[in-house]
């Protein structure tokens, strides 16, 4: 905060910086030329100052005083070397350029026309090659959507085939258990809350737009978050109600770079669901058997493919916990 309170440095265009360097070089050249001419005048005085027509000029004038007076004289005489009018001409040109930009009909959005707040950086506009922005929606719509998924070789694009995962599960497709675990991770491992909006429509709200997008994708594919409290979650899984007990939640932090939730289904085992950045999750995968190594390499290729397409990637995982193992961890965690 205190760094932001510091006064911002003035901005100079590339042309202004070059002109400042040229003016500085001209000033050095002018000073050198003045010094040479002043020294020459002192030498002329010592060589020819005794002439009868010059005696009255150099009468009782020391060399140092003569050098100083001539230095100021030549400084005034050679002041034309400094192109002061160039800056005035440039400012006028920039002002006219700003007006032309405001008159441009292609710079109008509806009834709102473009307004040039400054004309000091006009020439920099033609030199822009890249525009960098963040995910806050400054230059974008900032709409997060669940797009692609890869589960044990099962490929799905939610944009091209909405609710395709639900259709695959209802048809009894391959890897049904793994896909169900993945969707349960989407529906349970988050900090999203659900409320009832108009027309009894379920509205999901959360601090992270990423989590809201994932929960909506899970709901679209038949894993609907219906109710949530600090101790329980209720989901509608492919038309059947399921209630799980929330045993522990480990929120996302910059150190862990992942979020974990430990739940117990009614009459079922204890399960930990985790989601996080691939750089953190991938080293945690088991690679003890050839099959695990095979799927590990496959997942690396899928992540690289999604990243090359410009998608933000997350890795989902789950693990069954024995009662004794969970109680031992809980004692250390609490």
C-alpha atoms as a PDB file:
ATOM      1  CA  UNK A   1       0.000   0.000   0.000  1.00  0.00           C
ATOM      2  CA  UNK A   2       2.784   2.407   0.893  1.00  0.00           C
ATOM      3  CA  UNK A   3       4.506   1.677  -2.411  1.00  0.00           C
ATOM      4  CA  UNK A   4       1.360   2.708  -4.252  1.00  0.00           C
ATOM      5  CA  UNK A   5       1.287   5.984  -2.324  1.00  0.00           C
ATOM      6  CA  UNK A   6       4.564   7.079  -3.857  1.00  0.00           C
ATOM      7  CA  UNK A   7       4.388   9.718  -6.534  1.00  0.00           C
ATOM      8  CA  UNK A   8       4.357   8.150  -9.960  1.00  0.00           C
ATOM      9  CA  UNK A   9       7.200   8.971 -12.314  1.00  0.00           C
ATOM     10  CA  UNK A  10       6.252  11.075 -15.359  1.00  0.00           C
ATOM     11  CA  UNK A  11       5.815   9.182 -18.604  1.00  0.00           C
ATOM     12  CA  UNK A  12       7.893  10.063 -21.651  1.00  0.00           C
ATOM     13  CA  UNK A  13       7.442   8.712 -25.130  1.00  0.00           C
ATOM     14  CA  UNK A  14      10.310   7.255 -27.108  1.00  0.00           C
ATOM     15  CA  UNK A  15      10.422  10.343 -29.282  1.00  0.00           C
ATOM     16  CA  UNK A  16      10.648  12.620 -26.250  1.00  0.00           C
ATOM     17  CA  UNK A  17      13.533  10.586 -24.849  1.00  0.00           C
ATOM     18  CA  UNK A  18      15.429  10.801 -28.156  1.00  0.00           C
ATOM     19  CA  UNK A  19      14.831  14.543 -28.402  1.00  0.00           C
ATOM     20  CA  UNK A  20      16.078  15.052 -24.845  1.00  0.00           C
ATOM     21  CA  UNK A  21      19.277  13.198 -25.717  1.00  0.00           C
ATOM     22  CA  UNK A  22      19.741  15.257 -28.892  1.00  0.00           C
ATOM     23  CA  UNK A  23      19.155  18.516 -27.009  1.00  0.00           C
ATOM     24  CA  UNK A  24      21.719  17.480 -24.405  1.00  0.00           C
ATOM     25  CA  UNK A  25      24.247  16.681 -27.142  1.00  0.00           C
ATOM     26  CA  UNK A  26      23.559  20.043 -28.808  1.00  0.00           C
ATOM     27  CA  UNK A  27      24.066  21.795 -25.485  1.00  0.00           C
ATOM     28  CA  UNK A  28      27.420  20.058 -25.007  1.00  0.00           C
ATOM     29  CA  UNK A  29      28.430  20.970 -28.564  1.00  0.00           C
ATOM     30  CA  UNK A  30      27.384  24.560 -27.994  1.00  0.00           C
ATOM     31  CA  UNK A  31      29.353  24.829 -24.748  1.00  0.00           C
ATOM     32  CA  UNK A  32      32.448  23.327 -26.374  1.00  0.00           C
ATOM     33  CA  UNK A  33      32.151  25.735 -29.320  1.00  0.00           C
ATOM     34  CA  UNK A  34      31.666  28.714 -27.003  1.00  0.00           C
ATOM     35  CA  UNK A  35      34.684  27.704 -24.936  1.00  0.00           C
ATOM     36  CA  UNK A  36      36.816  27.402 -28.086  1.00  0.00           C
ATOM     37  CA  UNK A  37      35.688  30.810 -29.388  1.00  0.00           C
ATOM     38  CA  UNK A  38      36.226  32.448 -25.981  1.00  0.00           C
ATOM     39  CA  UNK A  39      39.697  30.967 -25.739  1.00  0.00           C
ATOM     40  CA  UNK A  40      40.434  32.133 -29.285  1.00  0.00           C
ATOM     41  CA  UNK A  41      39.346  35.659 -28.346  1.00  0.00           C
ATOM     42  CA  UNK A  42      41.807  35.667 -25.432  1.00  0.00           C
ATOM     43  CA  UNK A  43      44.576  34.438 -27.732  1.00  0.00           C
ATOM     44  CA  UNK A  44      43.714  37.089 -30.289  1.00  0.00           C
ATOM     45  CA  UNK A  45      43.885  39.747 -27.577  1.00  0.00           C
ATOM     46  CA  UNK A  46      47.362  38.616 -26.526  1.00  0.00           C
ATOM     47  CA  UNK A  47      48.556  38.396 -30.143  1.00  0.00           C
ATOM     48  CA  UNK A  48      47.059  41.509 -31.700  1.00  0.00           C
ATOM     49  CA  UNK A  49      45.637  43.446 -28.789  1.00  0.00           C
ATOM     50  CA  UNK A  50      48.473  45.976 -28.944  1.00  0.00           C
ATOM     51  CA  UNK A  51      47.257  47.318 -32.307  1.00  0.00           C
ATOM     52  CA  UNK A  52      46.274  50.990 -32.089  1.00  0.00           C
ATOM     53  CA  UNK A  53      42.683  50.279 -33.135  1.00  0.00           C
ATOM     54  CA  UNK A  54      42.221  47.610 -30.435  1.00  0.00           C
ATOM     55  CA  UNK A  55      43.931  49.199 -27.464  1.00  0.00           C
ATOM     56  CA  UNK A  56      40.819  50.914 -26.164  1.00  0.00           C
ATOM     57  CA  UNK A  57      38.883  47.558 -26.173  1.00  0.00           C
ATOM     58  CA  UNK A  58      41.416  45.549 -24.166  1.00  0.00           C
ATOM     59  CA  UNK A  59      42.552  48.297 -21.834  1.00  0.00           C
ATOM     60  CA  UNK A  60      43.122  46.878 -18.340  1.00  0.00           C
ATOM     61  CA  UNK A  61      41.128  43.662 -19.049  1.00  0.00           C
ATOM     62  CA  UNK A  62      42.504  40.459 -17.552  1.00  0.00           C
ATOM     63  CA  UNK A  63      42.476  37.250 -19.564  1.00  0.00           C
ATOM     64  CA  UNK A  64      40.036  35.539 -17.163  1.00  0.00           C
ATOM     65  CA  UNK A  65      37.587  38.426 -17.216  1.00  0.00           C
ATOM     66  CA  UNK A  66      37.772  38.628 -20.997  1.00  0.00           C
ATOM     67  CA  UNK A  67      37.140  34.877 -21.296  1.00  0.00           C
ATOM     68  CA  UNK A  68      34.067  35.150 -19.039  1.00  0.00           C
ATOM     69  CA  UNK A  69      32.573  38.128 -20.872  1.00  0.00           C
ATOM     70  CA  UNK A  70      33.119  36.548 -24.275  1.00  0.00           C
ATOM     71  CA  UNK A  71      31.701  33.237 -23.032  1.00  0.00           C
ATOM     72  CA  UNK A  72      28.412  34.953 -22.121  1.00  0.00           C
ATOM     73  CA  UNK A  73      28.481  36.902 -25.385  1.00  0.00           C
ATOM     74  CA  UNK A  74      28.937  33.817 -27.532  1.00  0.00           C
ATOM     75  CA  UNK A  75      26.308  31.956 -25.471  1.00  0.00           C
ATOM     76  CA  UNK A  76      23.737  34.572 -26.457  1.00  0.00           C
ATOM     77  CA  UNK A  77      24.944  34.718 -30.070  1.00  0.00           C
ATOM     78  CA  UNK A  78      24.793  30.920 -30.495  1.00  0.00           C
ATOM     79  CA  UNK A  79      21.487  30.403 -28.696  1.00  0.00           C
ATOM     80  CA  UNK A  80      19.849  29.762 -32.089  1.00  0.00           C
ATOM     81  CA  UNK A  81      21.416  26.296 -31.985  1.00  0.00           C
ATOM     82  CA  UNK A  82      18.801  25.204 -29.422  1.00  0.00           C
ATOM     83  CA  UNK A  83      15.590  24.291 -31.361  1.00  0.00           C
ATOM     84  CA  UNK A  84      13.086  25.736 -28.882  1.00  0.00           C
ATOM     85  CA  UNK A  85      10.426  26.123 -31.566  1.00  0.00           C
ATOM     86  CA  UNK A  86      10.633  22.365 -32.274  1.00  0.00           C
ATOM     87  CA  UNK A  87       8.934  21.528 -28.970  1.00  0.00           C
ATOM     88  CA  UNK A  88       6.159  24.027 -29.615  1.00  0.00           C
ATOM     89  CA  UNK A  89       5.573  22.565 -33.075  1.00  0.00           C
ATOM     90  CA  UNK A  90       5.486  19.022 -31.664  1.00  0.00           C
ATOM     91  CA  UNK A  91       2.946  19.902 -28.980  1.00  0.00           C
ATOM     92  CA  UNK A  92       0.710  21.533 -31.577  1.00  0.00           C
ATOM     93  CA  UNK A  93       0.940  18.449 -33.801  1.00  0.00           C
ATOM     94  CA  UNK A  94       0.092  16.159 -30.889  1.00  0.00           C
ATOM     95  CA  UNK A  95      -2.892  18.305 -29.957  1.00  0.00           C
ATOM     96  CA  UNK A  96      -4.226  18.113 -33.529  1.00  0.00           C
ATOM     97  CA  UNK A  97      -3.630  14.354 -33.554  1.00  0.00           C
ATOM     98  CA  UNK A  98      -5.680  13.955 -30.388  1.00  0.00           C
ATOM     99  CA  UNK A  99      -8.510  15.922 -31.979  1.00  0.00           C
ATOM    100  CA  UNK A 100      -8.414  13.752 -35.104  1.00  0.00           C
ATOM    101  CA  UNK A 101      -8.627  10.624 -32.925  1.00  0.00           C
ATOM    102  CA  UNK A 102     -11.715  11.992 -31.194  1.00  0.00           C
ATOM    103  CA  UNK A 103     -13.308  12.766 -34.586  1.00  0.00           C
ATOM    104  CA  UNK A 104     -12.695   9.191 -35.830  1.00  0.00           C
ATOM    105  CA  UNK A 105     -16.099   7.532 -36.382  1.00  0.00           C
ATOM    106  CA  UNK A 106     -14.548   4.095 -35.844  1.00  0.00           C
ATOM    107  CA  UNK A 107     -13.663   5.082 -32.268  1.00  0.00           C
ATOM    108  CA  UNK A 108     -17.313   5.384 -31.201  1.00  0.00           C
ATOM    109  CA  UNK A 109     -19.068   2.858 -28.960  1.00  0.00           C
ATOM    110  CA  UNK A 110     -22.780   3.447 -29.286  1.00  0.00           C
ATOM    111  CA  UNK A 111     -23.313   7.060 -28.371  1.00  0.00           C
ATOM    112  CA  UNK A 112     -20.049   7.354 -26.462  1.00  0.00           C
ATOM    113  CA  UNK A 113     -17.144   8.734 -28.459  1.00  0.00           C
ATOM    114  CA  UNK A 114     -13.468   8.390 -27.753  1.00  0.00           C
ATOM    115  CA  UNK A 115     -11.947  10.980 -25.401  1.00  0.00           C
ATOM    116  CA  UNK A 116      -8.214  11.681 -25.504  1.00  0.00           C
ATOM    117  CA  UNK A 117      -7.166  12.562 -21.959  1.00  0.00           C
ATOM    118  CA  UNK A 118      -3.554  13.192 -22.952  1.00  0.00           C
ATOM    119  CA  UNK A 119      -1.617  13.718 -26.149  1.00  0.00           C
ATOM    120  CA  UNK A 120       1.886  13.087 -24.832  1.00  0.00           C
ATOM    121  CA  UNK A 121       2.077   9.465 -26.014  1.00  0.00           C
ATOM    122  CA  UNK A 122       0.424   9.642 -29.430  1.00  0.00           C
ATOM    123  CA  UNK A 123       3.395   8.308 -31.338  1.00  0.00           C
ATOM    124  CA  UNK A 124       3.590   5.262 -29.046  1.00  0.00           C
ATOM    125  CA  UNK A 125       0.201   3.965 -30.245  1.00  0.00           C
ATOM    126  CA  UNK A 126       1.592   2.833 -33.582  1.00  0.00           C
ATOM    127  CA  UNK A 127       4.338   0.823 -31.852  1.00  0.00           C
ATOM    128  CA  UNK A 128       2.116  -1.466 -29.749  1.00  0.00           C
ATOM    129  CA  UNK A 129       2.766  -5.145 -30.528  1.00  0.00           C
ATOM    130  CA  UNK A 130       1.384  -6.963 -27.478  1.00  0.00           C
ATOM    131  CA  UNK A 131      -1.374  -6.264 -24.956  1.00  0.00           C
ATOM    132  CA  UNK A 132      -1.020  -7.965 -21.570  1.00  0.00           C
ATOM    133  CA  UNK A 133      -3.967  -8.276 -19.228  1.00  0.00           C
ATOM    134  CA  UNK A 134      -4.899 -10.256 -16.154  1.00  0.00           C
ATOM    135  CA  UNK A 135      -7.936 -12.368 -15.300  1.00  0.00           C
ATOM    136  CA  UNK A 136      -9.884  -9.606 -13.530  1.00  0.00           C
ATOM    137  CA  UNK A 137     -11.873  -8.773 -16.639  1.00  0.00           C
ATOM    138  CA  UNK A 138     -10.275  -5.403 -17.341  1.00  0.00           C
ATOM    139  CA  UNK A 139     -10.260  -6.009 -21.085  1.00  0.00           C
ATOM    140  CA  UNK A 140     -12.266  -9.233 -21.176  1.00  0.00           C
ATOM    141  CA  UNK A 141     -15.706 -10.438 -20.180  1.00  0.00           C
ATOM    142  CA  UNK A 142     -14.162 -12.614 -17.443  1.00  0.00           C
ATOM    143  CA  UNK A 143     -16.584 -15.508 -17.961  1.00  0.00           C
ATOM    144  CA  UNK A 144     -15.258 -18.790 -16.595  1.00  0.00           C
ATOM    145  CA  UNK A 145     -16.602 -21.974 -18.193  1.00  0.00           C
ATOM    146  CA  UNK A 146     -15.829 -25.660 -17.813  1.00  0.00           C
ATOM    147  CA  UNK A 147     -14.592 -26.719 -21.236  1.00  0.00           C
ATOM    148  CA  UNK A 148     -12.517 -29.912 -21.454  1.00  0.00           C
ATOM    149  CA  UNK A 149     -11.892 -32.954 -19.299  1.00  0.00           C
ATOM    150  CA  UNK A 150      -9.763 -36.091 -19.562  1.00  0.00           C
ATOM    151  CA  UNK A 151     -10.501 -39.064 -17.271  1.00  0.00           C
ATOM    152  CA  UNK A 152      -8.621 -42.315 -17.902  1.00  0.00           C
ATOM    153  CA  UNK A 153      -8.704 -41.695 -21.625  1.00  0.00           C
ATOM    154  CA  UNK A 154     -12.310 -40.445 -21.644  1.00  0.00           C
ATOM    155  CA  UNK A 155     -12.275 -37.159 -23.567  1.00  0.00           C
ATOM    156  CA  UNK A 156     -15.118 -34.664 -23.302  1.00  0.00           C
ATOM    157  CA  UNK A 157     -15.651 -31.087 -24.495  1.00  0.00           C
ATOM    158  CA  UNK A 158     -18.461 -29.421 -22.559  1.00  0.00           C
ATOM    159  CA  UNK A 159     -18.685 -26.503 -24.987  1.00  0.00           C
ATOM    160  CA  UNK A 160     -19.283 -28.723 -27.998  1.00  0.00           C
ATOM    161  CA  UNK A 161     -21.378 -31.325 -26.173  1.00  0.00           C
ATOM    162  CA  UNK A 162     -23.171 -29.860 -23.128  1.00  0.00           C
ATOM    163  CA  UNK A 163     -24.172 -32.427 -20.488  1.00  0.00           C
ATOM    164  CA  UNK A 164     -22.232 -35.082 -22.404  1.00  0.00           C
ATOM    165  CA  UNK A 165     -20.827 -36.576 -19.206  1.00  0.00           C
ATOM    166  CA  UNK A 166     -24.353 -37.172 -17.867  1.00  0.00           C
ATOM    167  CA  UNK A 167     -25.332 -38.873 -21.104  1.00  0.00           C
ATOM    168  CA  UNK A 168     -22.203 -41.042 -20.963  1.00  0.00           C
ATOM    169  CA  UNK A 169     -22.947 -42.134 -17.388  1.00  0.00           C
ATOM    170  CA  UNK A 170     -26.622 -42.789 -18.029  1.00  0.00           C
ATOM    171  CA  UNK A 171     -25.673 -44.957 -21.015  1.00  0.00           C
ATOM    172  CA  UNK A 172     -23.308 -47.011 -18.858  1.00  0.00           C
ATOM    173  CA  UNK A 173     -20.175 -45.926 -20.677  1.00  0.00           C
ATOM    174  CA  UNK A 174     -16.590 -46.927 -19.900  1.00  0.00           C
ATOM    175  CA  UNK A 175     -14.783 -45.797 -16.741  1.00  0.00           C
ATOM    176  CA  UNK A 176     -18.094 -45.023 -15.047  1.00  0.00           C
ATOM    177  CA  UNK A 177     -16.654 -45.208 -11.505  1.00  0.00           C
ATOM    178  CA  UNK A 178     -13.719 -42.909 -12.263  1.00  0.00           C
ATOM    179  CA  UNK A 179     -15.965 -40.347 -13.993  1.00  0.00           C
ATOM    180  CA  UNK A 180     -18.390 -40.447 -11.052  1.00  0.00           C
ATOM    181  CA  UNK A 181     -15.528 -39.798  -8.634  1.00  0.00           C
ATOM    182  CA  UNK A 182     -14.401 -36.879 -10.793  1.00  0.00           C
ATOM    183  CA  UNK A 183     -17.856 -35.326 -10.819  1.00  0.00           C
ATOM    184  CA  UNK A 184     -18.240 -35.818  -7.055  1.00  0.00           C
ATOM    185  CA  UNK A 185     -14.948 -33.961  -6.631  1.00  0.00           C
ATOM    186  CA  UNK A 186     -16.385 -31.082  -8.652  1.00  0.00           C
ATOM    187  CA  UNK A 187     -19.579 -31.085  -6.608  1.00  0.00           C
ATOM    188  CA  UNK A 188     -17.995 -31.410  -3.156  1.00  0.00           C
ATOM    189  CA  UNK A 189     -14.506 -29.861  -3.160  1.00  0.00           C
ATOM    190  CA  UNK A 190     -15.283 -26.143  -3.186  1.00  0.00           C
ATOM    191  CA  UNK A 191     -16.421 -23.204  -1.071  1.00  0.00           C
ATOM    192  CA  UNK A 192     -19.556 -22.410  -3.084  1.00  0.00           C
ATOM    193  CA  UNK A 193     -22.912 -21.870  -1.380  1.00  0.00           C
ATOM    194  CA  UNK A 194     -26.288 -22.347  -3.033  1.00  0.00           C
ATOM    195  CA  UNK A 195     -29.404 -20.237  -2.583  1.00  0.00           C
ATOM    196  CA  UNK A 196     -32.844 -20.226  -4.106  1.00  0.00           C
ATOM    197  CA  UNK A 197     -33.437 -17.445  -6.607  1.00  0.00           C
ATOM    198  CA  UNK A 198     -36.470 -16.483  -8.608  1.00  0.00           C
ATOM    199  CA  UNK A 199     -38.703 -19.299  -9.912  1.00  0.00           C
ATOM    200  CA  UNK A 200     -37.030 -21.681  -7.403  1.00  0.00           C
ATOM    201  CA  UNK A 201     -33.866 -21.619  -9.466  1.00  0.00           C
ATOM    202  CA  UNK A 202     -30.682 -22.647  -7.648  1.00  0.00           C
ATOM    203  CA  UNK A 203     -28.122 -19.864  -7.589  1.00  0.00           C
ATOM    204  CA  UNK A 204     -24.466 -20.622  -6.842  1.00  0.00           C
ATOM    205  CA  UNK A 205     -22.285 -17.986  -5.245  1.00  0.00           C
ATOM    206  CA  UNK A 206     -18.661 -18.052  -4.225  1.00  0.00           C
ATOM    207  CA  UNK A 207     -15.529 -15.975  -3.838  1.00  0.00           C
ATOM    208  CA  UNK A 208     -13.890 -17.707  -6.809  1.00  0.00           C
ATOM    209  CA  UNK A 209     -15.524 -17.582 -10.233  1.00  0.00           C
ATOM    210  CA  UNK A 210     -13.540 -20.732 -11.104  1.00  0.00           C
ATOM    211  CA  UNK A 211     -15.278 -22.736  -8.391  1.00  0.00           C
ATOM    212  CA  UNK A 212     -18.707 -21.441  -9.389  1.00  0.00           C
ATOM    213  CA  UNK A 213     -18.065 -22.485 -12.998  1.00  0.00           C
ATOM    214  CA  UNK A 214     -17.036 -25.990 -11.887  1.00  0.00           C
ATOM    215  CA  UNK A 215     -20.075 -26.414  -9.623  1.00  0.00           C
ATOM    216  CA  UNK A 216     -22.365 -25.287 -12.442  1.00  0.00           C
ATOM    217  CA  UNK A 217     -20.722 -27.768 -14.789  1.00  0.00           C
ATOM    218  CA  UNK A 218     -21.282 -30.551 -12.254  1.00  0.00           C
ATOM    219  CA  UNK A 219     -24.938 -29.539 -11.929  1.00  0.00           C
ATOM    220  CA  UNK A 220     -25.374 -29.532 -15.709  1.00  0.00           C
ATOM    221  CA  UNK A 221     -24.082 -33.107 -15.835  1.00  0.00           C
ATOM    222  CA  UNK A 222     -26.376 -34.435 -13.094  1.00  0.00           C
ATOM    223  CA  UNK A 223     -24.380 -33.768  -9.891  1.00  0.00           C
ATOM    224  CA  UNK A 224     -26.438 -30.925  -8.423  1.00  0.00           C
ATOM    225  CA  UNK A 225     -25.489 -29.264  -5.152  1.00  0.00           C
ATOM    226  CA  UNK A 226     -28.851 -28.765  -3.411  1.00  0.00           C
ATOM    227  CA  UNK A 227     -27.959 -27.703   0.117  1.00  0.00           C
ATOM    228  CA  UNK A 228     -24.876 -26.995   2.169  1.00  0.00           C
ATOM    229  CA  UNK A 229     -24.089 -26.423   5.802  1.00  0.00           C
ATOM    230  CA  UNK A 230     -20.924 -26.458   7.892  1.00  0.00           C
ATOM    231  CA  UNK A 231     -21.323 -30.200   8.578  1.00  0.00           C
ATOM    232  CA  UNK A 232     -23.269 -31.650   5.633  1.00  0.00           C
ATOM    233  CA  UNK A 233     -23.786 -31.385   1.887  1.00  0.00           C
ATOM    234  CA  UNK A 234     -26.765 -32.639  -0.047  1.00  0.00           C
ATOM    235  CA  UNK A 235     -26.430 -33.529  -3.720  1.00  0.00           C
ATOM    236  CA  UNK A 236     -28.704 -34.880  -6.365  1.00  0.00           C
ATOM    237  CA  UNK A 237     -26.598 -37.447  -8.216  1.00  0.00           C
ATOM    238  CA  UNK A 238     -28.178 -38.485 -11.500  1.00  0.00           C
ATOM    239  CA  UNK A 239     -31.669 -38.137 -10.039  1.00  0.00           C
ATOM    240  CA  UNK A 240     -31.035 -39.738  -6.633  1.00  0.00           C
ATOM    241  CA  UNK A 241     -30.426 -37.804  -3.426  1.00  0.00           C
ATOM    242  CA  UNK A 242     -27.141 -38.229  -1.625  1.00  0.00           C
ATOM    243  CA  UNK A 243     -26.180 -36.752   1.723  1.00  0.00           C
ATOM    244  CA  UNK A 244     -22.553 -36.595   2.839  1.00  0.00           C
ATOM    245  CA  UNK A 245     -21.004 -35.558   6.109  1.00  0.00           C
ATOM    246  CA  UNK A 246     -18.230 -32.972   5.882  1.00  0.00           C
ATOM    247  CA  UNK A 247     -15.464 -34.102   8.234  1.00  0.00           C
ATOM    248  CA  UNK A 248     -12.751 -31.554   7.350  1.00  0.00           C
ATOM    249  CA  UNK A 249     -11.988 -28.816   4.815  1.00  0.00           C
ATOM    250  CA  UNK A 250      -8.495 -27.673   3.935  1.00  0.00           C
ATOM    251  CA  UNK A 251      -8.839 -24.406   2.052  1.00  0.00           C
ATOM    252  CA  UNK A 252      -6.667 -23.360  -0.845  1.00  0.00           C
ATOM    253  CA  UNK A 253      -3.509 -21.488   0.149  1.00  0.00           C
ATOM    254  CA  UNK A 254      -0.565 -20.131  -1.780  1.00  0.00           C
ATOM    255  CA  UNK A 255       1.707 -22.644  -0.072  1.00  0.00           C
ATOM    256  CA  UNK A 256      -0.403 -25.767  -0.692  1.00  0.00           C
ATOM    257  CA  UNK A 257      -1.832 -24.627  -4.064  1.00  0.00           C
ATOM    258  CA  UNK A 258      -4.669 -27.088  -3.646  1.00  0.00           C
ATOM    259  CA  UNK A 259      -7.932 -27.548  -1.754  1.00  0.00           C
ATOM    260  CA  UNK A 260      -9.033 -30.700   0.038  1.00  0.00           C
ATOM    261  CA  UNK A 261     -12.294 -31.861   1.567  1.00  0.00           C
ATOM    262  CA  UNK A 262     -12.813 -35.037   3.593  1.00  0.00           C
ATOM    263  CA  UNK A 263     -16.363 -36.417   3.560  1.00  0.00           C
ATOM    264  CA  UNK A 264     -18.228 -39.542   4.590  1.00  0.00           C
ATOM    265  CA  UNK A 265     -21.282 -40.721   2.697  1.00  0.00           C
ATOM    266  CA  UNK A 266     -24.122 -42.307   4.622  1.00  0.00           C
ATOM    267  CA  UNK A 267     -23.023 -45.860   5.275  1.00  0.00           C
ATOM    268  CA  UNK A 268     -19.981 -45.384   3.068  1.00  0.00           C
ATOM    269  CA  UNK A 269     -16.214 -44.982   3.485  1.00  0.00           C
ATOM    270  CA  UNK A 270     -14.295 -41.823   4.250  1.00  0.00           C
ATOM    271  CA  UNK A 271     -13.086 -40.128   1.072  1.00  0.00           C
ATOM    272  CA  UNK A 272     -10.738 -37.215   0.546  1.00  0.00           C
ATOM    273  CA  UNK A 273     -11.276 -35.149  -2.614  1.00  0.00           C
ATOM    274  CA  UNK A 274      -8.499 -32.807  -3.751  1.00  0.00           C
ATOM    275  CA  UNK A 275      -8.171 -30.298  -6.572  1.00  0.00           C
ATOM    276  CA  UNK A 276      -5.227 -28.064  -7.312  1.00  0.00           C
ATOM    277  CA  UNK A 277      -2.566 -26.854  -9.690  1.00  0.00           C
ATOM    278  CA  UNK A 278      -0.927 -29.505 -11.840  1.00  0.00           C
ATOM    279  CA  UNK A 279       2.543 -28.424 -10.662  1.00  0.00           C
ATOM    280  CA  UNK A 280       1.527 -29.406  -7.114  1.00  0.00           C
ATOM    281  CA  UNK A 281      -0.754 -32.363  -7.769  1.00  0.00           C
ATOM    282  CA  UNK A 282       1.310 -34.288 -10.309  1.00  0.00           C
ATOM    283  CA  UNK A 283       4.252 -35.038  -7.945  1.00  0.00           C
ATOM    284  CA  UNK A 284       1.724 -36.550  -5.482  1.00  0.00           C
ATOM    285  CA  UNK A 285       0.477 -39.199  -7.925  1.00  0.00           C
ATOM    286  CA  UNK A 286       1.405 -42.830  -7.383  1.00  0.00           C
ATOM    287  CA  UNK A 287       3.923 -44.149  -9.917  1.00  0.00           C
ATOM    288  CA  UNK A 288       4.764 -47.507  -8.400  1.00  0.00           C
ATOM    289  CA  UNK A 289       3.289 -49.768 -11.102  1.00  0.00           C
ATOM    290  CA  UNK A 290       3.614 -49.664 -14.918  1.00  0.00           C
ATOM    291  CA  UNK A 291      -0.107 -48.868 -15.196  1.00  0.00           C
ATOM    292  CA  UNK A 292       0.218 -45.875 -12.879  1.00  0.00           C
ATOM    293  CA  UNK A 293       3.243 -44.643 -14.830  1.00  0.00           C
ATOM    294  CA  UNK A 294       1.269 -45.031 -18.060  1.00  0.00           C
ATOM    295  CA  UNK A 295      -1.643 -42.900 -16.827  1.00  0.00           C
ATOM    296  CA  UNK A 296       0.765 -40.387 -15.285  1.00  0.00           C
ATOM    297  CA  UNK A 297       2.454 -39.804 -18.660  1.00  0.00           C
ATOM    298  CA  UNK A 298      -0.939 -39.705 -20.369  1.00  0.00           C
ATOM    299  CA  UNK A 299      -2.141 -37.022 -17.976  1.00  0.00           C
ATOM    300  CA  UNK A 300       1.019 -34.973 -18.579  1.00  0.00           C
ATOM    301  CA  UNK A 301       0.334 -35.022 -22.318  1.00  0.00           C
ATOM    302  CA  UNK A 302      -3.300 -34.007 -21.775  1.00  0.00           C
ATOM    303  CA  UNK A 303      -2.308 -31.117 -19.510  1.00  0.00           C
ATOM    304  CA  UNK A 304       0.243 -29.926 -22.036  1.00  0.00           C
ATOM    305  CA  UNK A 305      -2.350 -30.086 -24.817  1.00  0.00           C
ATOM    306  CA  UNK A 306      -4.887 -28.071 -22.810  1.00  0.00           C
ATOM    307  CA  UNK A 307      -2.260 -25.515 -21.823  1.00  0.00           C
ATOM    308  CA  UNK A 308      -1.249 -25.051 -25.468  1.00  0.00           C
ATOM    309  CA  UNK A 309      -4.914 -24.354 -26.266  1.00  0.00           C
ATOM    310  CA  UNK A 310      -4.861 -21.522 -23.717  1.00  0.00           C
ATOM    311  CA  UNK A 311      -6.965 -23.303 -21.078  1.00  0.00           C
ATOM    312  CA  UNK A 312      -6.455 -23.035 -17.332  1.00  0.00           C
ATOM    313  CA  UNK A 313      -5.875 -26.520 -15.965  1.00  0.00           C
ATOM    314  CA  UNK A 314      -6.738 -28.231 -12.684  1.00  0.00           C
ATOM    315  CA  UNK A 315      -6.019 -31.755 -11.505  1.00  0.00           C
ATOM    316  CA  UNK A 316      -8.686 -33.632  -9.506  1.00  0.00           C
ATOM    317  CA  UNK A 317      -7.896 -36.572  -7.241  1.00  0.00           C
ATOM    318  CA  UNK A 318      -9.494 -38.707  -4.546  1.00  0.00           C
ATOM    319  CA  UNK A 319      -8.359 -41.203  -1.945  1.00  0.00           C
ATOM    320  CA  UNK A 320     -10.106 -43.590   0.419  1.00  0.00           C
ATOM    321  CA  UNK A 321      -9.107 -43.191   4.066  1.00  0.00           C
ATOM    322  CA  UNK A 322      -9.344 -45.817   6.771  1.00  0.00           C
ATOM    323  CA  UNK A 323     -11.062 -44.785   9.981  1.00  0.00           C
ATOM    324  CA  UNK A 324      -7.902 -45.204  12.042  1.00  0.00           C
ATOM    325  CA  UNK A 325      -5.848 -43.226   9.516  1.00  0.00           C
ATOM    326  CA  UNK A 326      -8.354 -40.368   9.512  1.00  0.00           C
ATOM    327  CA  UNK A 327      -8.595 -40.235  13.307  1.00  0.00           C
ATOM    328  CA  UNK A 328      -4.802 -40.185  13.614  1.00  0.00           C
ATOM    329  CA  UNK A 329      -4.578 -37.313  11.103  1.00  0.00           C
ATOM    330  CA  UNK A 330      -7.453 -35.471  12.767  1.00  0.00           C
ATOM    331  CA  UNK A 331      -5.693 -35.590  16.101  1.00  0.00           C
ATOM    332  CA  UNK A 332      -2.644 -33.957  14.569  1.00  0.00           C
ATOM    333  CA  UNK A 333      -4.671 -31.454  12.542  1.00  0.00           C
ATOM    334  CA  UNK A 334      -6.884 -30.293  15.413  1.00  0.00           C
END
